[in-house]
């Protein structure tokens, strides 16, 4: 706001906001675009046309954008997942669509959802409505979606049946464990989504630890190759 004194009808005001925008109103305001966040030089020029005098006052202001980042993380145990949203700033409503016909209106705290049998992945959508706190230049609704993969082939659920297992699945660290029909003297082969063989590893333990540090994020097929037996395969994801 202009705090000058001695104004009269021949006094004019010119505000510059550091973005190429201007105003000639004495007391004015502006909502900055998110791209303009940071230091902006704001200047006010006051001109008295009776005597030709003009003065300019400038100040650097720190422009902070509205915080409307949105995403979520999840952990899977069987068909049950725990979701934790990351929401920044004020909001009016939060809506989860779990991709299985279930829609929940929930506050910005962790929640648990159990998915139905039929498929092991669902596209989950988190929608934040900023409504009444939405400002000019800002998106009033933020949407984040992520494919969620259920841990239905983990070591705890299949080891008793001696089935080939990758744990954890999806792989989220630099290593994972393979168990099931895994015997010393056999080999583990890992293929990418195109069918290209990436590695062949000699099995040394019934619960073989596999280095995944060089695997980029994606879908993979793991096969156990043993002499005199048909190959056994399973799929896994790497995040």
C-alpha atoms as a PDB file:
ATOM      1  CA  UNK A   1       0.000   0.000   0.000  1.00  0.00           C
ATOM      2  CA  UNK A   2       1.099   3.576  -0.741  1.00  0.00           C
ATOM      3  CA  UNK A   3       1.792   5.529   2.463  1.00  0.00           C
ATOM      4  CA  UNK A   4       2.650   8.843   0.793  1.00  0.00           C
ATOM      5  CA  UNK A   5       1.208  12.139   2.062  1.00  0.00           C
ATOM      6  CA  UNK A   6       0.261  15.414   0.428  1.00  0.00           C
ATOM      7  CA  UNK A   7      -1.668  13.891  -2.458  1.00  0.00           C
ATOM      8  CA  UNK A   8      -3.804  16.024  -4.722  1.00  0.00           C
ATOM      9  CA  UNK A   9      -5.703  15.686  -7.960  1.00  0.00           C
ATOM     10  CA  UNK A  10      -2.571  16.139 -10.018  1.00  0.00           C
ATOM     11  CA  UNK A  11      -0.680  13.304  -8.295  1.00  0.00           C
ATOM     12  CA  UNK A  12      -0.329  10.005 -10.172  1.00  0.00           C
ATOM     13  CA  UNK A  13       0.961   6.626  -9.081  1.00  0.00           C
ATOM     14  CA  UNK A  14       2.741   3.932 -11.051  1.00  0.00           C
ATOM     15  CA  UNK A  15       3.430   0.499  -9.541  1.00  0.00           C
ATOM     16  CA  UNK A  16       5.741  -2.030 -11.210  1.00  0.00           C
ATOM     17  CA  UNK A  17       5.769  -5.565  -9.815  1.00  0.00           C
ATOM     18  CA  UNK A  18       8.993  -6.937 -11.309  1.00  0.00           C
ATOM     19  CA  UNK A  19       7.117  -9.146 -13.760  1.00  0.00           C
ATOM     20  CA  UNK A  20       6.259  -6.645 -16.466  1.00  0.00           C
ATOM     21  CA  UNK A  21       2.863  -5.967 -14.848  1.00  0.00           C
ATOM     22  CA  UNK A  22       1.884  -2.440 -13.817  1.00  0.00           C
ATOM     23  CA  UNK A  23      -0.870  -0.607 -11.945  1.00  0.00           C
ATOM     24  CA  UNK A  24      -1.824   3.080 -11.716  1.00  0.00           C
ATOM     25  CA  UNK A  25      -4.077   2.662  -8.667  1.00  0.00           C
ATOM     26  CA  UNK A  26      -2.803   4.268  -5.464  1.00  0.00           C
ATOM     27  CA  UNK A  27      -3.442   1.207  -3.254  1.00  0.00           C
ATOM     28  CA  UNK A  28      -3.243  -1.985  -5.241  1.00  0.00           C
ATOM     29  CA  UNK A  29      -2.569  -5.735  -4.990  1.00  0.00           C
ATOM     30  CA  UNK A  30      -1.360  -8.576  -7.212  1.00  0.00           C
ATOM     31  CA  UNK A  31      -1.424 -12.364  -7.130  1.00  0.00           C
ATOM     32  CA  UNK A  32       1.824 -13.685  -8.582  1.00  0.00           C
ATOM     33  CA  UNK A  33       2.054 -16.611 -10.965  1.00  0.00           C
ATOM     34  CA  UNK A  34       3.847 -19.686  -9.487  1.00  0.00           C
ATOM     35  CA  UNK A  35       6.596 -19.190 -12.090  1.00  0.00           C
ATOM     36  CA  UNK A  36       7.342 -15.798 -10.506  1.00  0.00           C
ATOM     37  CA  UNK A  37       8.179 -17.242  -7.084  1.00  0.00           C
ATOM     38  CA  UNK A  38      11.357 -15.773  -5.594  1.00  0.00           C
ATOM     39  CA  UNK A  39      12.670 -12.238  -5.144  1.00  0.00           C
ATOM     40  CA  UNK A  40      10.745  -9.558  -7.051  1.00  0.00           C
ATOM     41  CA  UNK A  41      11.656  -5.876  -7.198  1.00  0.00           C
ATOM     42  CA  UNK A  42       8.483  -3.845  -6.595  1.00  0.00           C
ATOM     43  CA  UNK A  43       8.645  -0.098  -7.281  1.00  0.00           C
ATOM     44  CA  UNK A  44       6.232   2.792  -6.772  1.00  0.00           C
ATOM     45  CA  UNK A  45       6.711   6.058  -8.675  1.00  0.00           C
ATOM     46  CA  UNK A  46       4.750   9.079  -7.400  1.00  0.00           C
ATOM     47  CA  UNK A  47       4.551  12.080  -9.691  1.00  0.00           C
ATOM     48  CA  UNK A  48       3.190  15.574  -8.853  1.00  0.00           C
ATOM     49  CA  UNK A  49       2.262  17.131 -12.160  1.00  0.00           C
ATOM     50  CA  UNK A  50       1.832  20.624 -10.658  1.00  0.00           C
ATOM     51  CA  UNK A  51       5.520  21.030  -9.922  1.00  0.00           C
ATOM     52  CA  UNK A  52       6.965  18.204 -12.046  1.00  0.00           C
ATOM     53  CA  UNK A  53       8.476  16.412  -9.039  1.00  0.00           C
ATOM     54  CA  UNK A  54       8.657  12.613  -9.087  1.00  0.00           C
ATOM     55  CA  UNK A  55       9.941  10.105  -6.554  1.00  0.00           C
ATOM     56  CA  UNK A  56      10.483   6.383  -6.892  1.00  0.00           C
ATOM     57  CA  UNK A  57      10.552   3.908  -3.996  1.00  0.00           C
ATOM     58  CA  UNK A  58      11.604   0.263  -4.493  1.00  0.00           C
ATOM     59  CA  UNK A  59      11.651  -2.787  -2.293  1.00  0.00           C
ATOM     60  CA  UNK A  60      12.577  -6.438  -2.889  1.00  0.00           C
ATOM     61  CA  UNK A  61       9.848  -8.834  -1.751  1.00  0.00           C
ATOM     62  CA  UNK A  62      10.016 -12.593  -1.384  1.00  0.00           C
ATOM     63  CA  UNK A  63       7.156 -14.167  -3.368  1.00  0.00           C
ATOM     64  CA  UNK A  64       6.028 -17.521  -1.973  1.00  0.00           C
ATOM     65  CA  UNK A  65       3.747 -19.637  -4.207  1.00  0.00           C
ATOM     66  CA  UNK A  66       0.741 -21.478  -2.816  1.00  0.00           C
ATOM     67  CA  UNK A  67       1.842 -24.933  -1.797  1.00  0.00           C
ATOM     68  CA  UNK A  68      -0.373 -27.401  -3.666  1.00  0.00           C
ATOM     69  CA  UNK A  69       1.910 -30.400  -4.110  1.00  0.00           C
ATOM     70  CA  UNK A  70       0.101 -33.749  -4.003  1.00  0.00           C
ATOM     71  CA  UNK A  71       1.264 -37.359  -4.000  1.00  0.00           C
ATOM     72  CA  UNK A  72       1.073 -40.482  -1.843  1.00  0.00           C
ATOM     73  CA  UNK A  73       3.081 -43.499  -0.760  1.00  0.00           C
ATOM     74  CA  UNK A  74       1.790 -46.973   0.078  1.00  0.00           C
ATOM     75  CA  UNK A  75       2.795 -50.297   1.600  1.00  0.00           C
ATOM     76  CA  UNK A  76       1.171 -53.578   0.570  1.00  0.00           C
ATOM     77  CA  UNK A  77       0.535 -56.662   2.700  1.00  0.00           C
ATOM     78  CA  UNK A  78      -1.357 -59.228   0.665  1.00  0.00           C
ATOM     79  CA  UNK A  79      -4.387 -57.452  -0.799  1.00  0.00           C
ATOM     80  CA  UNK A  80      -4.437 -54.779   1.909  1.00  0.00           C
ATOM     81  CA  UNK A  81      -2.592 -51.500   1.370  1.00  0.00           C
ATOM     82  CA  UNK A  82      -1.890 -48.620   3.724  1.00  0.00           C
ATOM     83  CA  UNK A  83      -1.833 -45.255   1.950  1.00  0.00           C
ATOM     84  CA  UNK A  84      -0.180 -42.089   3.243  1.00  0.00           C
ATOM     85  CA  UNK A  85      -0.988 -38.844   1.373  1.00  0.00           C
ATOM     86  CA  UNK A  86       1.418 -35.923   1.117  1.00  0.00           C
ATOM     87  CA  UNK A  87      -0.632 -32.725   0.955  1.00  0.00           C
ATOM     88  CA  UNK A  88       0.785 -29.236   1.351  1.00  0.00           C
ATOM     89  CA  UNK A  89      -1.206 -26.096   2.032  1.00  0.00           C
ATOM     90  CA  UNK A  90      -4.874 -25.513   2.807  1.00  0.00           C
ATOM     91  CA  UNK A  91      -7.547 -27.531   1.049  1.00  0.00           C
ATOM     92  CA  UNK A  92     -11.313 -28.064   0.992  1.00  0.00           C
ATOM     93  CA  UNK A  93     -11.628 -31.798   0.316  1.00  0.00           C
ATOM     94  CA  UNK A  94      -9.580 -34.953  -0.359  1.00  0.00           C
ATOM     95  CA  UNK A  95     -10.941 -37.843  -2.437  1.00  0.00           C
ATOM     96  CA  UNK A  96      -9.446 -41.294  -3.019  1.00  0.00           C
ATOM     97  CA  UNK A  97     -10.508 -43.428  -6.006  1.00  0.00           C
ATOM     98  CA  UNK A  98      -9.028 -46.912  -5.593  1.00  0.00           C
ATOM     99  CA  UNK A  99      -9.774 -48.094  -9.122  1.00  0.00           C
ATOM    100  CA  UNK A 100     -11.980 -50.957  -7.900  1.00  0.00           C
ATOM    101  CA  UNK A 101     -15.233 -48.991  -7.656  1.00  0.00           C
ATOM    102  CA  UNK A 102     -14.444 -47.667  -4.166  1.00  0.00           C
ATOM    103  CA  UNK A 103     -14.339 -43.896  -3.601  1.00  0.00           C
ATOM    104  CA  UNK A 104     -13.550 -42.477  -0.151  1.00  0.00           C
ATOM    105  CA  UNK A 105     -13.551 -38.905   1.126  1.00  0.00           C
ATOM    106  CA  UNK A 106     -10.786 -38.821   3.707  1.00  0.00           C
ATOM    107  CA  UNK A 107      -8.715 -36.256   5.617  1.00  0.00           C
ATOM    108  CA  UNK A 108      -4.975 -35.895   5.078  1.00  0.00           C
ATOM    109  CA  UNK A 109      -4.000 -38.911   7.189  1.00  0.00           C
ATOM    110  CA  UNK A 110      -3.082 -42.528   6.503  1.00  0.00           C
ATOM    111  CA  UNK A 111      -5.844 -44.963   5.593  1.00  0.00           C
ATOM    112  CA  UNK A 112      -6.106 -48.674   4.798  1.00  0.00           C
ATOM    113  CA  UNK A 113      -7.942 -50.305   1.898  1.00  0.00           C
ATOM    114  CA  UNK A 114      -8.383 -53.973   0.969  1.00  0.00           C
ATOM    115  CA  UNK A 115      -8.655 -54.659  -2.761  1.00  0.00           C
ATOM    116  CA  UNK A 116     -10.913 -57.365  -4.243  1.00  0.00           C
ATOM    117  CA  UNK A 117      -9.588 -60.558  -5.786  1.00  0.00           C
ATOM    118  CA  UNK A 118      -9.227 -60.535  -9.571  1.00  0.00           C
ATOM    119  CA  UNK A 119      -6.120 -58.530 -10.402  1.00  0.00           C
ATOM    120  CA  UNK A 120      -2.912 -57.635  -8.593  1.00  0.00           C
ATOM    121  CA  UNK A 121      -2.650 -53.982  -9.632  1.00  0.00           C
ATOM    122  CA  UNK A 122      -4.988 -50.977  -9.482  1.00  0.00           C
ATOM    123  CA  UNK A 123      -4.700 -47.365 -10.604  1.00  0.00           C
ATOM    124  CA  UNK A 124      -5.301 -45.241  -7.502  1.00  0.00           C
ATOM    125  CA  UNK A 125      -6.172 -41.550  -7.890  1.00  0.00           C
ATOM    126  CA  UNK A 126      -5.824 -38.924  -5.151  1.00  0.00           C
ATOM    127  CA  UNK A 127      -7.698 -35.652  -5.814  1.00  0.00           C
ATOM    128  CA  UNK A 128      -7.278 -32.479  -3.746  1.00  0.00           C
ATOM    129  CA  UNK A 129      -9.859 -29.688  -4.143  1.00  0.00           C
ATOM    130  CA  UNK A 130      -8.464 -26.327  -3.007  1.00  0.00           C
ATOM    131  CA  UNK A 131     -11.778 -24.576  -3.682  1.00  0.00           C
ATOM    132  CA  UNK A 132     -12.148 -21.555  -1.416  1.00  0.00           C
ATOM    133  CA  UNK A 133      -8.381 -21.097  -0.979  1.00  0.00           C
ATOM    134  CA  UNK A 134      -7.734 -21.187  -4.718  1.00  0.00           C
ATOM    135  CA  UNK A 135      -6.223 -17.980  -6.110  1.00  0.00           C
ATOM    136  CA  UNK A 136      -5.986 -16.480  -9.564  1.00  0.00           C
ATOM    137  CA  UNK A 137      -3.324 -18.203 -11.729  1.00  0.00           C
ATOM    138  CA  UNK A 138      -3.419 -21.352  -9.582  1.00  0.00           C
ATOM    139  CA  UNK A 139      -4.950 -24.725 -10.338  1.00  0.00           C
ATOM    140  CA  UNK A 140      -7.895 -25.251  -8.005  1.00  0.00           C
ATOM    141  CA  UNK A 141      -7.757 -29.059  -8.211  1.00  0.00           C
ATOM    142  CA  UNK A 142      -4.608 -31.187  -7.936  1.00  0.00           C
ATOM    143  CA  UNK A 143      -4.730 -34.808  -9.121  1.00  0.00           C
ATOM    144  CA  UNK A 144      -2.100 -37.497  -8.542  1.00  0.00           C
ATOM    145  CA  UNK A 145      -2.431 -41.085  -9.799  1.00  0.00           C
ATOM    146  CA  UNK A 146      -0.206 -44.100  -9.318  1.00  0.00           C
ATOM    147  CA  UNK A 147      -0.373 -47.766 -10.286  1.00  0.00           C
ATOM    148  CA  UNK A 148      -0.509 -49.769  -7.046  1.00  0.00           C
ATOM    149  CA  UNK A 149       0.881 -53.318  -7.056  1.00  0.00           C
ATOM    150  CA  UNK A 150      -0.304 -55.764  -4.425  1.00  0.00           C
ATOM    151  CA  UNK A 151       2.165 -57.987  -2.589  1.00  0.00           C
ATOM    152  CA  UNK A 152       0.331 -61.239  -3.279  1.00  0.00           C
ATOM    153  CA  UNK A 153       3.436 -63.289  -4.088  1.00  0.00           C
ATOM    154  CA  UNK A 154       5.468 -62.425  -0.997  1.00  0.00           C
ATOM    155  CA  UNK A 155       7.561 -65.000   0.838  1.00  0.00           C
ATOM    156  CA  UNK A 156       5.138 -65.299   3.764  1.00  0.00           C
ATOM    157  CA  UNK A 157       2.139 -66.188   1.603  1.00  0.00           C
ATOM    158  CA  UNK A 158       3.654 -68.832  -0.669  1.00  0.00           C
ATOM    159  CA  UNK A 159       6.643 -70.369   1.055  1.00  0.00           C
ATOM    160  CA  UNK A 160       4.533 -73.101   2.636  1.00  0.00           C
ATOM    161  CA  UNK A 161       3.453 -74.243  -0.829  1.00  0.00           C
ATOM    162  CA  UNK A 162       7.069 -74.311  -2.059  1.00  0.00           C
ATOM    163  CA  UNK A 163       6.138 -71.914  -4.876  1.00  0.00           C
ATOM    164  CA  UNK A 164       8.649 -69.552  -6.417  1.00  0.00           C
ATOM    165  CA  UNK A 165       8.566 -66.290  -4.508  1.00  0.00           C
ATOM    166  CA  UNK A 166      10.120 -62.831  -4.796  1.00  0.00           C
ATOM    167  CA  UNK A 167      10.092 -60.737  -1.645  1.00  0.00           C
ATOM    168  CA  UNK A 168       9.458 -57.870  -1.404  1.00  0.00           C
ATOM    169  CA  UNK A 169       7.440 -57.482  -4.575  1.00  0.00           C
ATOM    170  CA  UNK A 170       7.515 -54.743  -5.783  1.00  0.00           C
ATOM    171  CA  UNK A 171      11.247 -54.425  -5.100  1.00  0.00           C
ATOM    172  CA  UNK A 172      11.906 -51.029  -3.538  1.00  0.00           C
ATOM    173  CA  UNK A 173      15.514 -51.386  -2.355  1.00  0.00           C
ATOM    174  CA  UNK A 174      18.879 -52.558  -3.689  1.00  0.00           C
ATOM    175  CA  UNK A 175      18.205 -56.265  -3.076  1.00  0.00           C
ATOM    176  CA  UNK A 176      15.447 -58.867  -2.801  1.00  0.00           C
ATOM    177  CA  UNK A 177      15.043 -62.497  -1.760  1.00  0.00           C
ATOM    178  CA  UNK A 178      14.041 -65.459  -3.936  1.00  0.00           C
ATOM    179  CA  UNK A 179      12.652 -68.567  -2.226  1.00  0.00           C
ATOM    180  CA  UNK A 180      10.646 -71.690  -3.055  1.00  0.00           C
ATOM    181  CA  UNK A 181      12.054 -74.346  -5.419  1.00  0.00           C
ATOM    182  CA  UNK A 182      15.500 -72.746  -5.079  1.00  0.00           C
ATOM    183  CA  UNK A 183      18.294 -75.274  -4.590  1.00  0.00           C
ATOM    184  CA  UNK A 184      22.086 -74.976  -4.735  1.00  0.00           C
ATOM    185  CA  UNK A 185      23.354 -76.007  -8.152  1.00  0.00           C
ATOM    186  CA  UNK A 186      20.464 -74.312  -9.955  1.00  0.00           C
ATOM    187  CA  UNK A 187      20.455 -70.919 -11.617  1.00  0.00           C
ATOM    188  CA  UNK A 188      18.271 -67.808 -11.494  1.00  0.00           C
ATOM    189  CA  UNK A 189      17.741 -65.912 -14.720  1.00  0.00           C
ATOM    190  CA  UNK A 190      16.267 -62.403 -14.879  1.00  0.00           C
ATOM    191  CA  UNK A 191      14.633 -61.060 -18.052  1.00  0.00           C
ATOM    192  CA  UNK A 192      13.369 -57.556 -18.815  1.00  0.00           C
ATOM    193  CA  UNK A 193       9.931 -56.773 -20.313  1.00  0.00           C
ATOM    194  CA  UNK A 194      11.267 -57.337 -23.867  1.00  0.00           C
ATOM    195  CA  UNK A 195      12.471 -60.869 -23.016  1.00  0.00           C
ATOM    196  CA  UNK A 196      16.153 -59.903 -22.952  1.00  0.00           C
ATOM    197  CA  UNK A 197      18.284 -61.915 -20.514  1.00  0.00           C
ATOM    198  CA  UNK A 198      19.883 -59.508 -18.041  1.00  0.00           C
ATOM    199  CA  UNK A 199      21.655 -61.817 -15.609  1.00  0.00           C
ATOM    200  CA  UNK A 200      22.251 -65.469 -14.686  1.00  0.00           C
ATOM    201  CA  UNK A 201      22.997 -66.135 -11.032  1.00  0.00           C
ATOM    202  CA  UNK A 202      24.170 -69.375  -9.419  1.00  0.00           C
ATOM    203  CA  UNK A 203      21.950 -70.335  -6.487  1.00  0.00           C
ATOM    204  CA  UNK A 204      23.844 -70.844  -3.235  1.00  0.00           C
ATOM    205  CA  UNK A 205      21.036 -70.733  -0.658  1.00  0.00           C
ATOM    206  CA  UNK A 206      17.379 -71.864  -0.336  1.00  0.00           C
ATOM    207  CA  UNK A 207      16.613 -68.186   0.241  1.00  0.00           C
ATOM    208  CA  UNK A 208      18.810 -66.523  -2.322  1.00  0.00           C
ATOM    209  CA  UNK A 209      19.577 -62.819  -1.952  1.00  0.00           C
ATOM    210  CA  UNK A 210      19.673 -61.003  -5.310  1.00  0.00           C
ATOM    211  CA  UNK A 211      21.452 -57.712  -5.969  1.00  0.00           C
ATOM    212  CA  UNK A 212      18.970 -55.337  -7.645  1.00  0.00           C
ATOM    213  CA  UNK A 213      21.061 -52.170  -7.492  1.00  0.00           C
ATOM    214  CA  UNK A 214      21.721 -52.203 -11.260  1.00  0.00           C
ATOM    215  CA  UNK A 215      18.118 -52.902 -12.267  1.00  0.00           C
ATOM    216  CA  UNK A 216      16.206 -49.828 -13.468  1.00  0.00           C
ATOM    217  CA  UNK A 217      12.545 -49.408 -12.528  1.00  0.00           C
ATOM    218  CA  UNK A 218      10.303 -51.701 -14.569  1.00  0.00           C
ATOM    219  CA  UNK A 219       8.712 -55.142 -14.935  1.00  0.00           C
ATOM    220  CA  UNK A 220      10.819 -58.311 -14.919  1.00  0.00           C
ATOM    221  CA  UNK A 221      10.526 -62.080 -15.210  1.00  0.00           C
ATOM    222  CA  UNK A 222      12.557 -64.329 -12.914  1.00  0.00           C
ATOM    223  CA  UNK A 223      13.129 -67.993 -13.801  1.00  0.00           C
ATOM    224  CA  UNK A 224      14.743 -70.825 -11.846  1.00  0.00           C
ATOM    225  CA  UNK A 225      16.672 -73.214 -14.086  1.00  0.00           C
ATOM    226  CA  UNK A 226      17.451 -76.625 -12.586  1.00  0.00           C
ATOM    227  CA  UNK A 227      18.910 -79.734 -14.250  1.00  0.00           C
ATOM    228  CA  UNK A 228      16.239 -82.310 -15.047  1.00  0.00           C
ATOM    229  CA  UNK A 229      13.323 -80.001 -14.183  1.00  0.00           C
ATOM    230  CA  UNK A 230      11.144 -77.597 -16.111  1.00  0.00           C
ATOM    231  CA  UNK A 231      11.928 -73.899 -15.562  1.00  0.00           C
ATOM    232  CA  UNK A 232       9.787 -72.162 -12.943  1.00  0.00           C
ATOM    233  CA  UNK A 233       9.046 -68.469 -13.473  1.00  0.00           C
ATOM    234  CA  UNK A 234       7.397 -65.529 -11.748  1.00  0.00           C
ATOM    235  CA  UNK A 235       7.143 -61.813 -12.355  1.00  0.00           C
ATOM    236  CA  UNK A 236       8.209 -58.868 -10.202  1.00  0.00           C
ATOM    237  CA  UNK A 237       8.334 -55.100 -10.277  1.00  0.00           C
ATOM    238  CA  UNK A 238      11.265 -52.822  -9.443  1.00  0.00           C
ATOM    239  CA  UNK A 239      10.535 -49.271  -8.302  1.00  0.00           C
END
